[in-house]
């Protein structure tokens, strides 16, 4: 059983990565389009999954903060 554990862990990591790629926001994925990342993860499993985690996944702090209300022209018109 222990000799199958590394293979099962790699398969689980690839499935987890593929699901993460599919569920990621297309606008925040880095380096390549989301469909190419998915193809890379599935065609070249270990290297593709590692590349996704290092170069492709959206970063946690990569979003832009919301604009202040006084920066919104619609808000200013309603005042």
C-alpha atoms as a PDB file:
ATOM      1  CA  UNK A   1       0.000   0.000   0.000  1.00  0.00           C
ATOM      2  CA  UNK A   2       2.791   2.448   0.797  1.00  0.00           C
ATOM      3  CA  UNK A   3       4.277   2.155  -2.671  1.00  0.00           C
ATOM      4  CA  UNK A   4       0.989   3.404  -4.153  1.00  0.00           C
ATOM      5  CA  UNK A   5       0.789   6.389  -1.822  1.00  0.00           C
ATOM      6  CA  UNK A   6       3.067   8.712  -3.876  1.00  0.00           C
ATOM      7  CA  UNK A   7       1.110   7.903  -7.048  1.00  0.00           C
ATOM      8  CA  UNK A   8      -2.202   8.564  -5.301  1.00  0.00           C
ATOM      9  CA  UNK A   9      -0.891  11.837  -3.891  1.00  0.00           C
ATOM     10  CA  UNK A  10       0.232  12.998  -7.356  1.00  0.00           C
ATOM     11  CA  UNK A  11      -3.152  12.061  -8.859  1.00  0.00           C
ATOM     12  CA  UNK A  12      -4.977  13.893  -6.055  1.00  0.00           C
ATOM     13  CA  UNK A  13      -2.767  16.977  -6.522  1.00  0.00           C
ATOM     14  CA  UNK A  14      -3.435  17.011 -10.272  1.00  0.00           C
ATOM     15  CA  UNK A  15      -7.195  16.688  -9.784  1.00  0.00           C
ATOM     16  CA  UNK A  16      -7.148  19.416  -7.124  1.00  0.00           C
ATOM     17  CA  UNK A  17      -5.109  21.704  -9.386  1.00  0.00           C
ATOM     18  CA  UNK A  18      -7.368  21.071 -12.394  1.00  0.00           C
ATOM     19  CA  UNK A  19     -10.471  21.913 -10.351  1.00  0.00           C
ATOM     20  CA  UNK A  20      -8.761  25.045  -9.016  1.00  0.00           C
ATOM     21  CA  UNK A  21      -7.881  26.154 -12.551  1.00  0.00           C
ATOM     22  CA  UNK A  22     -11.474  25.665 -13.723  1.00  0.00           C
ATOM     23  CA  UNK A  23     -12.922  27.578 -10.764  1.00  0.00           C
ATOM     24  CA  UNK A  24     -10.458  30.484 -10.966  1.00  0.00           C
ATOM     25  CA  UNK A  25     -11.514  33.883 -12.251  1.00  0.00           C
ATOM     26  CA  UNK A  26     -10.316  34.170 -15.864  1.00  0.00           C
ATOM     27  CA  UNK A  27      -9.399  37.832 -15.438  1.00  0.00           C
ATOM     28  CA  UNK A  28      -7.058  37.173 -12.508  1.00  0.00           C
ATOM     29  CA  UNK A  29      -5.168  34.148 -13.879  1.00  0.00           C
ATOM     30  CA  UNK A  30      -1.566  35.081 -14.617  1.00  0.00           C
ATOM     31  CA  UNK A  31       0.783  34.316 -17.531  1.00  0.00           C
ATOM     32  CA  UNK A  32      -1.474  32.185 -19.779  1.00  0.00           C
ATOM     33  CA  UNK A  33      -5.196  31.929 -20.519  1.00  0.00           C
ATOM     34  CA  UNK A  34      -7.127  29.614 -18.238  1.00  0.00           C
ATOM     35  CA  UNK A  35      -7.776  27.023 -20.960  1.00  0.00           C
ATOM     36  CA  UNK A  36      -4.064  26.731 -21.696  1.00  0.00           C
ATOM     37  CA  UNK A  37      -3.336  26.288 -18.000  1.00  0.00           C
ATOM     38  CA  UNK A  38      -5.873  23.483 -17.814  1.00  0.00           C
ATOM     39  CA  UNK A  39      -4.368  21.800 -20.875  1.00  0.00           C
ATOM     40  CA  UNK A  40      -0.885  22.147 -19.390  1.00  0.00           C
ATOM     41  CA  UNK A  41      -1.972  20.641 -16.082  1.00  0.00           C
ATOM     42  CA  UNK A  42      -3.642  17.684 -17.807  1.00  0.00           C
ATOM     43  CA  UNK A  43      -1.058  17.022 -20.551  1.00  0.00           C
ATOM     44  CA  UNK A  44       2.123  17.527 -18.506  1.00  0.00           C
ATOM     45  CA  UNK A  45       0.712  16.687 -15.081  1.00  0.00           C
ATOM     46  CA  UNK A  46       3.451  17.236 -12.500  1.00  0.00           C
ATOM     47  CA  UNK A  47       5.277  20.075 -14.250  1.00  0.00           C
ATOM     48  CA  UNK A  48       2.018  21.718 -15.330  1.00  0.00           C
ATOM     49  CA  UNK A  49       0.597  21.610 -11.809  1.00  0.00           C
ATOM     50  CA  UNK A  50       3.779  23.051 -10.329  1.00  0.00           C
ATOM     51  CA  UNK A  51       3.859  25.773 -12.987  1.00  0.00           C
ATOM     52  CA  UNK A  52       0.239  26.684 -12.190  1.00  0.00           C
ATOM     53  CA  UNK A  53       0.952  27.081  -8.479  1.00  0.00           C
ATOM     54  CA  UNK A  54       4.096  29.138  -9.112  1.00  0.00           C
ATOM     55  CA  UNK A  55       3.235  31.223 -12.200  1.00  0.00           C
ATOM     56  CA  UNK A  56      -0.487  30.993 -12.950  1.00  0.00           C
ATOM     57  CA  UNK A  57      -2.747  31.063  -9.954  1.00  0.00           C
ATOM     58  CA  UNK A  58      -4.341  34.338  -8.945  1.00  0.00           C
ATOM     59  CA  UNK A  59      -2.550  36.005  -6.071  1.00  0.00           C
ATOM     60  CA  UNK A  60      -4.487  36.722  -2.905  1.00  0.00           C
ATOM     61  CA  UNK A  61      -3.569  40.406  -2.784  1.00  0.00           C
ATOM     62  CA  UNK A  62      -3.795  40.999  -6.529  1.00  0.00           C
ATOM     63  CA  UNK A  63      -7.264  42.544  -6.492  1.00  0.00           C
ATOM     64  CA  UNK A  64      -7.801  46.259  -6.723  1.00  0.00           C
ATOM     65  CA  UNK A  65      -9.417  47.938  -3.736  1.00  0.00           C
ATOM     66  CA  UNK A  66     -12.910  49.274  -4.342  1.00  0.00           C
ATOM     67  CA  UNK A  67     -13.098  52.890  -5.404  1.00  0.00           C
ATOM     68  CA  UNK A  68     -14.187  55.471  -2.871  1.00  0.00           C
ATOM     69  CA  UNK A  69     -17.763  56.736  -3.305  1.00  0.00           C
ATOM     70  CA  UNK A  70     -16.554  60.189  -4.291  1.00  0.00           C
ATOM     71  CA  UNK A  71     -14.685  58.636  -7.236  1.00  0.00           C
ATOM     72  CA  UNK A  72     -17.930  57.306  -8.701  1.00  0.00           C
ATOM     73  CA  UNK A  73     -19.661  59.841 -11.015  1.00  0.00           C
ATOM     74  CA  UNK A  74     -23.069  58.166 -10.552  1.00  0.00           C
ATOM     75  CA  UNK A  75     -22.788  58.525  -6.802  1.00  0.00           C
ATOM     76  CA  UNK A  76     -21.836  62.185  -7.115  1.00  0.00           C
ATOM     77  CA  UNK A  77     -24.836  62.877  -9.393  1.00  0.00           C
ATOM     78  CA  UNK A  78     -27.215  61.394  -6.811  1.00  0.00           C
ATOM     79  CA  UNK A  79     -26.006  63.683  -4.011  1.00  0.00           C
END
